[in-house]
Amino acid sequence: MITCTSTPMVGLLIQGGPLDIDHVVDLLRRKVIVLVLQGTGLGADLIAFVYFEKVHHQGDEYESFVKTELIKRMMNCYPKDFVDNELAQ
């Protein structure tokens, strides 16, 4: 006899903007599996880049490289969000 049922849930990110990235972070905090389709562009590629770098390059150099590279990539993906931003200059 089943006393409790739950519906499995999975997140899926194809492309995506800043709000979608926030949504992925929220899902991960709630322990929901998220499939990120690398190669679809924008937010999905940003998340895939950070994940790949974390898995393959660890240590002191990882953090400074990823932060710098991620900012560059974010500026390319979302230029309108960085027009008046200090990071863009």
PDB file of N, CA and C in Angstrom:
ATOM      1  N   MET A   1       0.848  -1.181   0.000  1.00  0.00           N
ATOM      2  CA  MET A   1       0.000   0.000   0.000  1.00  0.00           C
ATOM      3  C   MET A   1       0.887   1.236   0.000  1.00  0.00           C
ATOM      4  N   ILE A   2       0.594   2.143  -0.897  1.00  0.00           N
ATOM      5  CA  ILE A   2       1.358   3.382  -0.995  1.00  0.00           C
ATOM      6  C   ILE A   2       0.700   4.413  -0.093  1.00  0.00           C
ATOM      7  N   THR A   3       1.484   4.940   0.846  1.00  0.00           N
ATOM      8  CA  THR A   3       0.937   5.937   1.760  1.00  0.00           C
ATOM      9  C   THR A   3       1.290   7.353   1.340  1.00  0.00           C
ATOM     10  N   CYS A   4       2.335   7.490   0.554  1.00  0.00           N
ATOM     11  CA  CYS A   4       2.752   8.824   0.145  1.00  0.00           C
ATOM     12  C   CYS A   4       3.261   8.741  -1.288  1.00  0.00           C
ATOM     13  N   THR A   5       2.866   9.667  -2.092  1.00  0.00           N
ATOM     14  CA  THR A   5       3.363   9.697  -3.457  1.00  0.00           C
ATOM     15  C   THR A   5       4.016  11.042  -3.722  1.00  0.00           C
ATOM     16  N   SER A   6       4.968  11.010  -4.599  1.00  0.00           N
ATOM     17  CA  SER A   6       5.582  12.261  -5.026  1.00  0.00           C
ATOM     18  C   SER A   6       5.852  12.166  -6.515  1.00  0.00           C
ATOM     19  N   THR A   7       5.829  13.286  -7.143  1.00  0.00           N
ATOM     20  CA  THR A   7       6.075  13.343  -8.568  1.00  0.00           C
ATOM     21  C   THR A   7       7.520  13.757  -8.785  1.00  0.00           C
ATOM     22  N   PRO A   8       8.275  12.934  -9.482  1.00  0.00           N
ATOM     23  CA  PRO A   8       9.662  13.316  -9.759  1.00  0.00           C
ATOM     24  C   PRO A   8       9.701  14.595 -10.593  1.00  0.00           C
ATOM     25  N   MET A   9      10.707  15.409 -10.344  1.00  0.00           N
ATOM     26  CA  MET A   9      10.821  16.665 -11.065  1.00  0.00           C
ATOM     27  C   MET A   9      12.249  16.828 -11.548  1.00  0.00           C
ATOM     28  N   VAL A  10      12.394  17.401 -12.718  1.00  0.00           N
ATOM     29  CA  VAL A  10      13.706  17.702 -13.272  1.00  0.00           C
ATOM     30  C   VAL A  10      13.609  19.049 -13.969  1.00  0.00           C
ATOM     31  N   GLY A  11      14.666  19.831 -13.867  1.00  0.00           N
ATOM     32  CA  GLY A  11      14.713  21.104 -14.568  1.00  0.00           C
ATOM     33  C   GLY A  11      15.436  20.936 -15.890  1.00  0.00           C
ATOM     34  N   LEU A  12      15.126  21.799 -16.842  1.00  0.00           N
ATOM     35  CA  LEU A  12      15.763  21.762 -18.149  1.00  0.00           C
ATOM     36  C   LEU A  12      16.082  23.188 -18.569  1.00  0.00           C
ATOM     37  N   LEU A  13      17.346  23.439 -18.913  1.00  0.00           N
ATOM     38  CA  LEU A  13      17.740  24.776 -19.361  1.00  0.00           C
ATOM     39  C   LEU A  13      18.264  24.700 -20.789  1.00  0.00           C
ATOM     40  N   ILE A  14      17.575  25.402 -21.670  1.00  0.00           N
ATOM     41  CA  ILE A  14      17.985  25.573 -23.061  1.00  0.00           C
ATOM     42  C   ILE A  14      18.106  27.076 -23.265  1.00  0.00           C
ATOM     43  N   GLN A  15      19.283  27.542 -23.611  1.00  0.00           N
ATOM     44  CA  GLN A  15      19.602  28.974 -23.683  1.00  0.00           C
ATOM     45  C   GLN A  15      19.373  29.590 -22.304  1.00  0.00           C
ATOM     46  N   GLY A  16      18.542  30.584 -22.194  1.00  0.00           N
ATOM     47  CA  GLY A  16      18.192  31.158 -20.897  1.00  0.00           C
ATOM     48  C   GLY A  16      18.866  32.482 -20.613  1.00  0.00           C
ATOM     49  N   GLY A  17      18.136  33.302 -19.885  1.00  0.00           N
ATOM     50  CA  GLY A  17      18.626  34.603 -19.475  1.00  0.00           C
ATOM     51  C   GLY A  17      18.956  34.613 -17.993  1.00  0.00           C
ATOM     52  N   PRO A  18      19.251  35.797 -17.463  1.00  0.00           N
ATOM     53  CA  PRO A  18      19.605  35.919 -16.042  1.00  0.00           C
ATOM     54  C   PRO A  18      18.541  35.357 -15.097  1.00  0.00           C
ATOM     55  N   LEU A  19      17.273  35.558 -15.395  1.00  0.00           N
ATOM     56  CA  LEU A  19      16.213  35.026 -14.525  1.00  0.00           C
ATOM     57  C   LEU A  19      16.183  33.499 -14.565  1.00  0.00           C
ATOM     58  N   ASP A  20      16.481  32.946 -15.726  1.00  0.00           N
ATOM     59  CA  ASP A  20      16.518  31.486 -15.852  1.00  0.00           C
ATOM     60  C   ASP A  20      17.690  30.902 -15.060  1.00  0.00           C
ATOM     61  N   ILE A  21      18.816  31.613 -15.060  1.00  0.00           N
ATOM     62  CA  ILE A  21      19.963  31.170 -14.262  1.00  0.00           C
ATOM     63  C   ILE A  21      19.598  31.189 -12.784  1.00  0.00           C
ATOM     64  N   ASP A  22      18.914  32.240 -12.343  1.00  0.00           N
ATOM     65  CA  ASP A  22      18.447  32.303 -10.947  1.00  0.00           C
ATOM     66  C   ASP A  22      17.521  31.133 -10.636  1.00  0.00           C
ATOM     67  N   HIS A  23      16.667  30.787 -11.580  1.00  0.00           N
ATOM     68  CA  HIS A  23      15.731  29.674 -11.388  1.00  0.00           C
ATOM     69  C   HIS A  23      16.491  28.349 -11.249  1.00  0.00           C
ATOM     70  N   VAL A  24      17.531  28.162 -12.062  1.00  0.00           N
ATOM     71  CA  VAL A  24      18.353  26.950 -11.970  1.00  0.00           C
ATOM     72  C   VAL A  24      19.009  26.864 -10.592  1.00  0.00           C
ATOM     73  N   VAL A  25      19.542  27.980 -10.112  1.00  0.00           N
ATOM     74  CA  VAL A  25      20.165  28.000  -8.782  1.00  0.00           C
ATOM     75  C   VAL A  25      19.147  27.614  -7.721  1.00  0.00           C
ATOM     76  N   ASP A  26      17.938  28.152  -7.829  1.00  0.00           N
ATOM     77  CA  ASP A  26      16.878  27.817  -6.874  1.00  0.00           C
ATOM     78  C   ASP A  26      16.549  26.326  -6.914  1.00  0.00           C
ATOM     79  N   LEU A  27      16.440  25.762  -8.101  1.00  0.00           N
ATOM     80  CA  LEU A  27      16.154  24.327  -8.221  1.00  0.00           C
ATOM     81  C   LEU A  27      17.265  23.490  -7.597  1.00  0.00           C
ATOM     82  N   LEU A  28      18.499  23.859  -7.863  1.00  0.00           N
ATOM     83  CA  LEU A  28      19.622  23.104  -7.302  1.00  0.00           C
ATOM     84  C   LEU A  28      19.647  23.170  -5.777  1.00  0.00           C
ATOM     85  N   ARG A  29      19.303  24.319  -5.233  1.00  0.00           N
ATOM     86  CA  ARG A  29      19.243  24.451  -3.766  1.00  0.00           C
ATOM     87  C   ARG A  29      18.178  23.532  -3.173  1.00  0.00           C
ATOM     88  N   ARG A  30      17.129  23.275  -3.970  1.00  0.00           N
ATOM     89  CA  ARG A  30      16.058  22.381  -3.511  1.00  0.00           C
ATOM     90  C   ARG A  30      16.328  20.923  -3.905  1.00  0.00           C
ATOM     91  N   LYS A  31      17.565  20.667  -4.345  1.00  0.00           N
ATOM     92  CA  LYS A  31      18.014  19.308  -4.684  1.00  0.00           C
ATOM     93  C   LYS A  31      17.272  18.720  -5.885  1.00  0.00           C
ATOM     94  N   VAL A  32      16.872  19.593  -6.815  1.00  0.00           N
ATOM     95  CA  VAL A  32      16.225  19.151  -8.044  1.00  0.00           C
ATOM     96  C   VAL A  32      17.301  19.016  -9.124  1.00  0.00           C
ATOM     97  N   ILE A  33      17.298  17.915  -9.832  1.00  0.00           N
ATOM     98  CA  ILE A  33      18.242  17.703 -10.923  1.00  0.00           C
ATOM     99  C   ILE A  33      17.914  18.670 -12.054  1.00  0.00           C
ATOM    100  N   VAL A  34      18.963  19.273 -12.613  1.00  0.00           N
ATOM    101  CA  VAL A  34      18.773  20.201 -13.726  1.00  0.00           C
ATOM    102  C   VAL A  34      19.649  19.751 -14.898  1.00  0.00           C
ATOM    103  N   LEU A  35      19.018  19.556 -16.049  1.00  0.00           N
ATOM    104  CA  LEU A  35      19.742  19.250 -17.278  1.00  0.00           C
ATOM    105  C   LEU A  35      20.032  20.565 -17.994  1.00  0.00           C
ATOM    106  N   VAL A  36      21.301  20.820 -18.265  1.00  0.00           N
ATOM    107  CA  VAL A  36      21.717  22.035 -18.955  1.00  0.00           C
ATOM    108  C   VAL A  36      22.249  21.624 -20.315  1.00  0.00           C
ATOM    109  N   LEU A  37      21.637  22.105 -21.372  1.00  0.00           N
ATOM    110  CA  LEU A  37      22.034  21.720 -22.715  1.00  0.00           C
ATOM    111  C   LEU A  37      23.114  22.654 -23.248  1.00  0.00           C
ATOM    112  N   GLN A  38      24.357  22.218 -23.101  1.00  0.00           N
ATOM    113  CA  GLN A  38      25.492  22.985 -23.589  1.00  0.00           C
ATOM    114  C   GLN A  38      25.419  23.089 -25.105  1.00  0.00           C
ATOM    115  N   GLY A  39      25.783  24.256 -25.608  1.00  0.00           N
ATOM    116  CA  GLY A  39      25.760  24.466 -27.042  1.00  0.00           C
ATOM    117  C   GLY A  39      24.502  25.159 -27.526  1.00  0.00           C
ATOM    118  N   THR A  40      23.534  25.358 -26.633  1.00  0.00           N
ATOM    119  CA  THR A  40      22.302  26.046 -27.020  1.00  0.00           C
ATOM    120  C   THR A  40      22.422  27.552 -26.842  1.00  0.00           C
ATOM    121  N   GLY A  41      23.512  27.991 -26.213  1.00  0.00           N
ATOM    122  CA  GLY A  41      23.779  29.419 -26.078  1.00  0.00           C
ATOM    123  C   GLY A  41      23.354  30.003 -24.751  1.00  0.00           C
ATOM    124  N   LEU A  42      23.744  31.249 -24.570  1.00  0.00           N
ATOM    125  CA  LEU A  42      23.377  32.099 -23.437  1.00  0.00           C
ATOM    126  C   LEU A  42      23.616  31.438 -22.080  1.00  0.00           C
ATOM    127  N   GLY A  43      22.610  31.455 -21.218  1.00  0.00           N
ATOM    128  CA  GLY A  43      22.760  30.975 -19.843  1.00  0.00           C
ATOM    129  C   GLY A  43      23.169  29.518 -19.751  1.00  0.00           C
ATOM    130  N   ALA A  44      22.670  28.694 -20.633  1.00  0.00           N
ATOM    131  CA  ALA A  44      23.030  27.275 -20.598  1.00  0.00           C
ATOM    132  C   ALA A  44      24.524  27.092 -20.841  1.00  0.00           C
ATOM    133  N   ASP A  45      25.067  27.838 -21.780  1.00  0.00           N
ATOM    134  CA  ASP A  45      26.501  27.732 -22.055  1.00  0.00           C
ATOM    135  C   ASP A  45      27.330  28.308 -20.915  1.00  0.00           C
ATOM    136  N   LEU A  46      26.837  29.346 -20.262  1.00  0.00           N
ATOM    137  CA  LEU A  46      27.561  29.914 -19.112  1.00  0.00           C
ATOM    138  C   LEU A  46      27.644  28.901 -17.976  1.00  0.00           C
ATOM    139  N   ILE A  47      26.526  28.275 -17.666  1.00  0.00           N
ATOM    140  CA  ILE A  47      26.501  27.281 -16.589  1.00  0.00           C
ATOM    141  C   ILE A  47      27.361  26.081 -16.961  1.00  0.00           C
ATOM    142  N   ALA A  48      27.277  25.638 -18.204  1.00  0.00           N
ATOM    143  CA  ALA A  48      28.081  24.498 -18.651  1.00  0.00           C
ATOM    144  C   ALA A  48      29.565  24.823 -18.561  1.00  0.00           C
ATOM    145  N   PHE A  49      29.952  26.046 -18.914  1.00  0.00           N
ATOM    146  CA  PHE A  49      31.351  26.469 -18.817  1.00  0.00           C
ATOM    147  C   PHE A  49      31.856  26.385 -17.388  1.00  0.00           C
ATOM    148  N   VAL A  50      31.100  26.942 -16.435  1.00  0.00           N
ATOM    149  CA  VAL A  50      31.517  26.942 -15.030  1.00  0.00           C
ATOM    150  C   VAL A  50      31.603  25.510 -14.499  1.00  0.00           C
ATOM    151  N   TYR A  51      30.636  24.693 -14.839  1.00  0.00           N
ATOM    152  CA  TYR A  51      30.649  23.298 -14.391  1.00  0.00           C
ATOM    153  C   TYR A  51      31.861  22.559 -14.942  1.00  0.00           C
ATOM    154  N   PHE A  52      32.101  22.704 -16.235  1.00  0.00           N
ATOM    155  CA  PHE A  52      33.234  22.025 -16.866  1.00  0.00           C
ATOM    156  C   PHE A  52      34.552  22.448 -16.214  1.00  0.00           C
ATOM    157  N   GLU A  53      34.715  23.733 -15.988  1.00  0.00           N
ATOM    158  CA  GLU A  53      35.950  24.231 -15.380  1.00  0.00           C
ATOM    159  C   GLU A  53      36.102  23.714 -13.948  1.00  0.00           C
ATOM    160  N   LYS A  54      35.016  23.647 -13.215  1.00  0.00           N
ATOM    161  CA  LYS A  54      35.068  23.155 -11.832  1.00  0.00           C
ATOM    162  C   LYS A  54      35.486  21.688 -11.795  1.00  0.00           C
ATOM    163  N   VAL A  55      34.980  20.899 -12.721  1.00  0.00           N
ATOM    164  CA  VAL A  55      35.281  19.473 -12.753  1.00  0.00           C
ATOM    165  C   VAL A  55      36.722  19.220 -13.191  1.00  0.00           C
ATOM    166  N   HIS A  56      37.204  20.001 -14.161  1.00  0.00           N
ATOM    167  CA  HIS A  56      38.501  19.710 -14.764  1.00  0.00           C
ATOM    168  C   HIS A  56      39.669  20.546 -14.240  1.00  0.00           C
ATOM    169  N   HIS A  57      39.403  21.665 -13.597  1.00  0.00           N
ATOM    170  CA  HIS A  57      40.482  22.534 -13.118  1.00  0.00           C
ATOM    171  C   HIS A  57      40.162  23.018 -11.713  1.00  0.00           C
ATOM    172  N   GLN A  58      40.866  22.502 -10.766  1.00  0.00           N
ATOM    173  CA  GLN A  58      40.632  22.920  -9.386  1.00  0.00           C
ATOM    174  C   GLN A  58      41.892  23.576  -8.841  1.00  0.00           C
ATOM    175  N   GLY A  59      41.738  24.254  -7.723  1.00  0.00           N
ATOM    176  CA  GLY A  59      42.874  24.910  -7.102  1.00  0.00           C
ATOM    177  C   GLY A  59      42.719  26.409  -7.114  1.00  0.00           C
ATOM    178  N   ASP A  60      43.797  27.092  -6.773  1.00  0.00           N
ATOM    179  CA  ASP A  60      43.772  28.548  -6.643  1.00  0.00           C
ATOM    180  C   ASP A  60      43.508  29.258  -7.966  1.00  0.00           C
ATOM    181  N   GLU A  61      44.047  28.727  -9.047  1.00  0.00           N
ATOM    182  CA  GLU A  61      43.890  29.376 -10.342  1.00  0.00           C
ATOM    183  C   GLU A  61      42.462  29.287 -10.870  1.00  0.00           C
ATOM    184  N   TYR A  62      41.751  28.265 -10.463  1.00  0.00           N
ATOM    185  CA  TYR A  62      40.388  28.048 -10.965  1.00  0.00           C
ATOM    186  C   TYR A  62      39.501  29.260 -10.722  1.00  0.00           C
ATOM    187  N   GLU A  63      39.465  29.720  -9.476  1.00  0.00           N
ATOM    188  CA  GLU A  63      38.515  30.775  -9.114  1.00  0.00           C
ATOM    189  C   GLU A  63      38.790  32.083  -9.843  1.00  0.00           C
ATOM    190  N   SER A  64      40.031  32.520  -9.881  1.00  0.00           N
ATOM    191  CA  SER A  64      40.326  33.791 -10.548  1.00  0.00           C
ATOM    192  C   SER A  64      40.093  33.692 -12.059  1.00  0.00           C
ATOM    193  N   PHE A  65      40.472  32.563 -12.660  1.00  0.00           N
ATOM    194  CA  PHE A  65      40.250  32.388 -14.098  1.00  0.00           C
ATOM    195  C   PHE A  65      38.763  32.369 -14.416  1.00  0.00           C
ATOM    196  N   VAL A  66      38.003  31.583 -13.663  1.00  0.00           N
ATOM    197  CA  VAL A  66      36.572  31.439 -13.962  1.00  0.00           C
ATOM    198  C   VAL A  66      35.842  32.762 -13.772  1.00  0.00           C
ATOM    199  N   LYS A  67      36.155  33.489 -12.717  1.00  0.00           N
ATOM    200  CA  LYS A  67      35.477  34.779 -12.496  1.00  0.00           C
ATOM    201  C   LYS A  67      35.722  35.727 -13.659  1.00  0.00           C
ATOM    202  N   THR A  68      36.978  35.850 -14.064  1.00  0.00           N
ATOM    203  CA  THR A  68      37.324  36.757 -15.161  1.00  0.00           C
ATOM    204  C   THR A  68      36.665  36.314 -16.461  1.00  0.00           C
ATOM    205  N   GLU A  69      36.786  35.055 -16.775  1.00  0.00           N
ATOM    206  CA  GLU A  69      36.232  34.527 -18.027  1.00  0.00           C
ATOM    207  C   GLU A  69      34.699  34.577 -18.025  1.00  0.00           C
ATOM    208  N   LEU A  70      34.087  34.300 -16.886  1.00  0.00           N
ATOM    209  CA  LEU A  70      32.630  34.328 -16.796  1.00  0.00           C
ATOM    210  C   LEU A  70      32.094  35.740 -17.014  1.00  0.00           C
ATOM    211  N   ILE A  71      32.766  36.737 -16.456  1.00  0.00           N
ATOM    212  CA  ILE A  71      32.337  38.125 -16.664  1.00  0.00           C
ATOM    213  C   ILE A  71      32.413  38.481 -18.145  1.00  0.00           C
ATOM    214  N   LYS A  72      33.499  38.091 -18.810  1.00  0.00           N
ATOM    215  CA  LYS A  72      33.622  38.358 -20.251  1.00  0.00           C
ATOM    216  C   LYS A  72      32.483  37.697 -21.023  1.00  0.00           C
ATOM    217  N   ARG A  73      32.218  36.447 -20.703  1.00  0.00           N
ATOM    218  CA  ARG A  73      31.170  35.718 -21.420  1.00  0.00           C
ATOM    219  C   ARG A  73      29.789  36.287 -21.133  1.00  0.00           C
ATOM    220  N   MET A  74      29.558  36.705 -19.895  1.00  0.00           N
ATOM    221  CA  MET A  74      28.266  37.307 -19.553  1.00  0.00           C
ATOM    222  C   MET A  74      28.068  38.616 -20.310  1.00  0.00           C
ATOM    223  N   MET A  75      29.140  39.398 -20.432  1.00  0.00           N
ATOM    224  CA  MET A  75      29.050  40.663 -21.163  1.00  0.00           C
ATOM    225  C   MET A  75      28.736  40.413 -22.637  1.00  0.00           C
ATOM    226  N   ASN A  76      29.246  39.317 -23.190  1.00  0.00           N
ATOM    227  CA  ASN A  76      28.936  38.979 -24.585  1.00  0.00           C
ATOM    228  C   ASN A  76      27.497  38.480 -24.728  1.00  0.00           C
ATOM    229  N   CYS A  77      27.029  37.700 -23.762  1.00  0.00           N
ATOM    230  CA  CYS A  77      25.665  37.144 -23.833  1.00  0.00           C
ATOM    231  C   CYS A  77      24.592  38.186 -23.550  1.00  0.00           C
ATOM    232  N   TYR A  78      24.869  39.058 -22.590  1.00  0.00           N
ATOM    233  CA  TYR A  78      23.860  40.023 -22.122  1.00  0.00           C
ATOM    234  C   TYR A  78      24.429  41.441 -22.125  1.00  0.00           C
ATOM    235  N   PRO A  79      24.796  41.976 -23.277  1.00  0.00           N
ATOM    236  CA  PRO A  79      25.436  43.302 -23.320  1.00  0.00           C
ATOM    237  C   PRO A  79      24.574  44.420 -22.747  1.00  0.00           C
ATOM    238  N   LYS A  80      23.265  44.338 -22.897  1.00  0.00           N
ATOM    239  CA  LYS A  80      22.386  45.392 -22.382  1.00  0.00           C
ATOM    240  C   LYS A  80      22.432  45.474 -20.857  1.00  0.00           C
ATOM    241  N   ASP A  81      22.702  44.358 -20.193  1.00  0.00           N
ATOM    242  CA  ASP A  81      22.762  44.336 -18.732  1.00  0.00           C
ATOM    243  C   ASP A  81      24.051  44.941 -18.197  1.00  0.00           C
ATOM    244  N   PHE A  82      25.039  45.177 -19.083  1.00  0.00           N
ATOM    245  CA  PHE A  82      26.329  45.685 -18.634  1.00  0.00           C
ATOM    246  C   PHE A  82      26.645  47.080 -19.169  1.00  0.00           C
ATOM    247  N   VAL A  83      25.686  47.751 -19.778  1.00  0.00           N
ATOM    248  CA  VAL A  83      25.942  49.061 -20.381  1.00  0.00           C
ATOM    249  C   VAL A  83      26.462  50.061 -19.349  1.00  0.00           C
ATOM    250  N   ASP A  84      25.801  50.175 -18.211  1.00  0.00           N
ATOM    251  CA  ASP A  84      26.199  51.146 -17.184  1.00  0.00           C
ATOM    252  C   ASP A  84      26.920  50.485 -16.025  1.00  0.00           C
ATOM    253  N   ASN A  85      27.491  49.327 -16.243  1.00  0.00           N
ATOM    254  CA  ASN A  85      28.128  48.565 -15.174  1.00  0.00           C
ATOM    255  C   ASN A  85      29.614  48.827 -15.155  1.00  0.00           C
ATOM    256  N   GLU A  86      30.190  48.936 -13.964  1.00  0.00           N
ATOM    257  CA  GLU A  86      31.625  49.168 -13.814  1.00  0.00           C
ATOM    258  C   GLU A  86      32.447  48.044 -14.429  1.00  0.00           C
ATOM    259  N   LEU A  87      31.941  46.803 -14.384  1.00  0.00           N
ATOM    260  CA  LEU A  87      32.681  45.679 -14.928  1.00  0.00           C
ATOM    261  C   LEU A  87      32.892  45.794 -16.421  1.00  0.00           C
ATOM    262  N   ALA A  88      31.994  46.477 -17.100  1.00  0.00           N
ATOM    263  CA  ALA A  88      32.084  46.597 -18.543  1.00  0.00           C
ATOM    264  C   ALA A  88      33.182  47.565 -18.983  1.00  0.00           C
ATOM    265  N   GLN A  89      33.681  48.351 -18.066  1.00  0.00           N
ATOM    266  CA  GLN A  89      34.683  49.364 -18.422  1.00  0.00           C
ATOM    267  C   GLN A  89      36.060  48.949 -18.127  1.00  0.00           C
TER     268      GLN A  89
END
